[in-house]
Protein backbone atom coordinates (compact mmCIF):
# COMPACT_ATOMS: atom_id res chain seq x y z
CA MET A 1 63.30 -3.45 -30.88
CA SER A 2 60.40 -0.93 -32.30
CA SER A 3 60.59 -2.36 -35.06
CA ILE A 4 59.51 -5.58 -33.75
CA GLN A 5 56.67 -3.78 -31.75
CA SER A 6 55.21 -1.58 -34.72
CA ASN A 7 54.87 -5.51 -36.85
CA VAL A 8 53.19 -6.35 -33.85
CA GLN A 9 51.01 -3.94 -33.33
CA HIS A 10 50.48 -3.50 -36.89
CA HIS A 11 49.49 -7.30 -37.42
CA SER A 12 46.87 -7.69 -34.61
CA SER A 13 45.65 -4.29 -35.94
CA ARG A 14 45.12 -6.45 -39.35
CA VAL A 15 43.76 -9.05 -37.54
CA ASN A 16 41.31 -7.02 -35.59
CA ALA A 17 39.61 -5.48 -37.96
CA SER A 18 39.40 -8.57 -40.11
CA GLY A 19 36.91 -9.18 -36.98
CA ASP A 20 38.56 -12.89 -35.89
CA ARG A 21 36.42 -13.51 -33.34
CA SER A 22 39.58 -15.83 -31.53
CA VAL A 23 41.63 -13.39 -31.09
CA ASP A 24 38.80 -11.70 -28.60
CA ARG A 25 38.17 -14.86 -26.95
CA ASN A 26 41.98 -15.52 -26.58
CA SER A 27 42.61 -11.79 -24.86
CA THR A 28 39.56 -12.79 -22.72
CA LEU A 29 41.08 -15.34 -21.68
CA GLU A 30 44.50 -13.88 -20.93
CA MET A 31 43.21 -11.01 -18.97
CA ARG A 32 41.53 -13.74 -16.94
CA ALA A 33 44.22 -15.65 -16.64
CA SER A 34 45.75 -12.68 -15.61
CA SER A 35 43.31 -11.70 -12.71
CA GLN A 36 43.12 -15.33 -11.20
CA ASP A 37 46.88 -14.51 -11.06
CA HIS A 38 46.13 -11.48 -8.61
CA ARG A 39 44.04 -13.23 -6.55
CA GLY A 40 46.62 -16.38 -5.85
CA PRO A 41 48.47 -14.77 -3.28
CA SER A 42 45.41 -13.29 -1.21
CA THR A 43 44.13 -16.97 -1.47
CA SER A 44 47.17 -18.84 -0.51
CA SER A 45 48.60 -16.83 2.36
CA ARG A 46 44.73 -17.20 3.47
CA ASP A 47 45.24 -21.03 3.28
CA ARG A 48 48.58 -20.73 5.06
CA SER A 49 47.37 -18.67 8.27
CA GLY A 50 46.66 -21.66 9.97
CA ASN A 51 49.38 -23.96 9.35
CA LEU A 52 52.32 -24.82 11.78
CA VAL A 53 56.07 -26.13 10.71
CA VAL A 54 56.90 -28.43 14.14
CA SER A 55 60.81 -29.22 13.73
CA GLY A 56 62.56 -31.13 16.03
CA LEU A 57 59.64 -34.39 16.58
CA PRO A 58 62.06 -37.84 16.41
CA GLU A 59 60.49 -39.73 13.92
CA CYS A 60 59.55 -43.49 13.58
CA PRO A 61 61.96 -46.10 12.50
CA ARG A 62 61.86 -46.50 8.75
CA ASN A 63 59.66 -50.15 8.90
CA THR A 64 56.94 -48.51 10.70
CA ALA A 65 52.98 -48.54 9.45
CA ARG A 66 52.22 -45.01 7.57
CA THR A 67 49.01 -45.73 9.82
CA VAL A 68 50.97 -46.25 12.73
CA ARG A 69 53.18 -43.15 11.95
CA ALA A 70 51.11 -40.79 11.27
CA ILE A 71 48.96 -40.99 14.62
CA GLN A 72 51.84 -40.98 16.26
CA ASP A 73 53.14 -37.78 14.86
CA GLN A 74 49.93 -36.67 15.70
CA ASP A 75 50.02 -37.38 19.12
CA LYS A 76 53.64 -35.92 19.76
CA VAL A 77 52.52 -32.54 17.98
CA ILE A 78 49.16 -32.28 20.51
CA SER A 79 51.62 -32.91 22.74
CA VAL A 80 54.19 -29.99 22.17
CA LEU A 81 50.99 -27.80 20.91
CA SER A 82 48.89 -28.34 24.29
CA SER A 83 52.04 -27.02 26.02
CA LEU A 84 52.02 -24.00 24.73
CA CYS A 85 47.90 -23.98 24.28
CA SER A 86 45.32 -25.86 26.82
CA SER A 87 42.84 -25.43 23.90
CA VAL A 88 44.40 -27.30 21.22
CA SER A 89 42.90 -30.92 21.12
CA THR A 90 43.07 -33.64 17.82
CA HIS A 91 39.86 -31.98 16.34
CA SER A 92 41.95 -28.68 16.10
CA ILE A 93 44.17 -30.09 13.64
CA ARG A 94 43.02 -30.87 10.03
CA ASP A 95 45.88 -32.18 8.39
CA LEU A 96 49.82 -33.12 9.45
CA CYS A 97 52.56 -34.38 7.35
CA ARG A 98 55.94 -34.93 7.36
CA LEU A 99 58.18 -32.68 4.51
CA GLY A 100 60.85 -34.16 2.94
CA LYS A 101 61.86 -37.78 2.28
CA TYR A 102 63.17 -39.72 5.40
CA VAL A 103 66.37 -39.64 5.70
CA GLU A 104 68.35 -42.13 8.56
CA GLY A 105 69.44 -40.28 11.84
CA ARG A 106 67.34 -36.98 10.99
CA SER A 107 63.99 -36.05 11.61
CA GLN A 108 61.91 -34.10 8.93
CA PRO A 109 59.88 -31.13 10.01
CA ILE A 110 55.81 -31.45 9.99
CA LEU A 111 53.57 -29.56 8.66
CA VAL A 112 50.46 -28.78 10.60
CA LYS A 113 47.23 -27.42 8.90
CA LEU A 114 44.92 -26.19 11.86
CA HIS A 115 41.27 -25.47 11.25
CA ARG A 116 39.73 -22.33 12.02
CA PRO A 117 42.47 -20.70 14.28
CA SER A 118 40.21 -17.83 15.55
CA LYS A 119 38.06 -20.62 17.01
CA TRP A 120 41.40 -22.13 19.04
């Protein structure tokens, strides 16, 4: 294993000594990508802070139009959430969607994305 590492070090020092700018650009891109990886979880956890998963709400039949299903799901979610917190309204919900494929006889959970949870 150490012979492989020494070969890599030898070739990288030889390329750097030759003044190849593409190596510098590649290492810069790698550093940017790794720094973005470190920022990723904090950003995504901030995005997820206003999300709720509501399960157990019955689904519409298979042939129901998508817009009708969305409206009915939103009404069901609002009725559940308003019983928990009276300030929740249709304006509190940014987006919602069922998670998973439709399965006859089962209800899929609903992912609810809320606007600024600190405001409600």
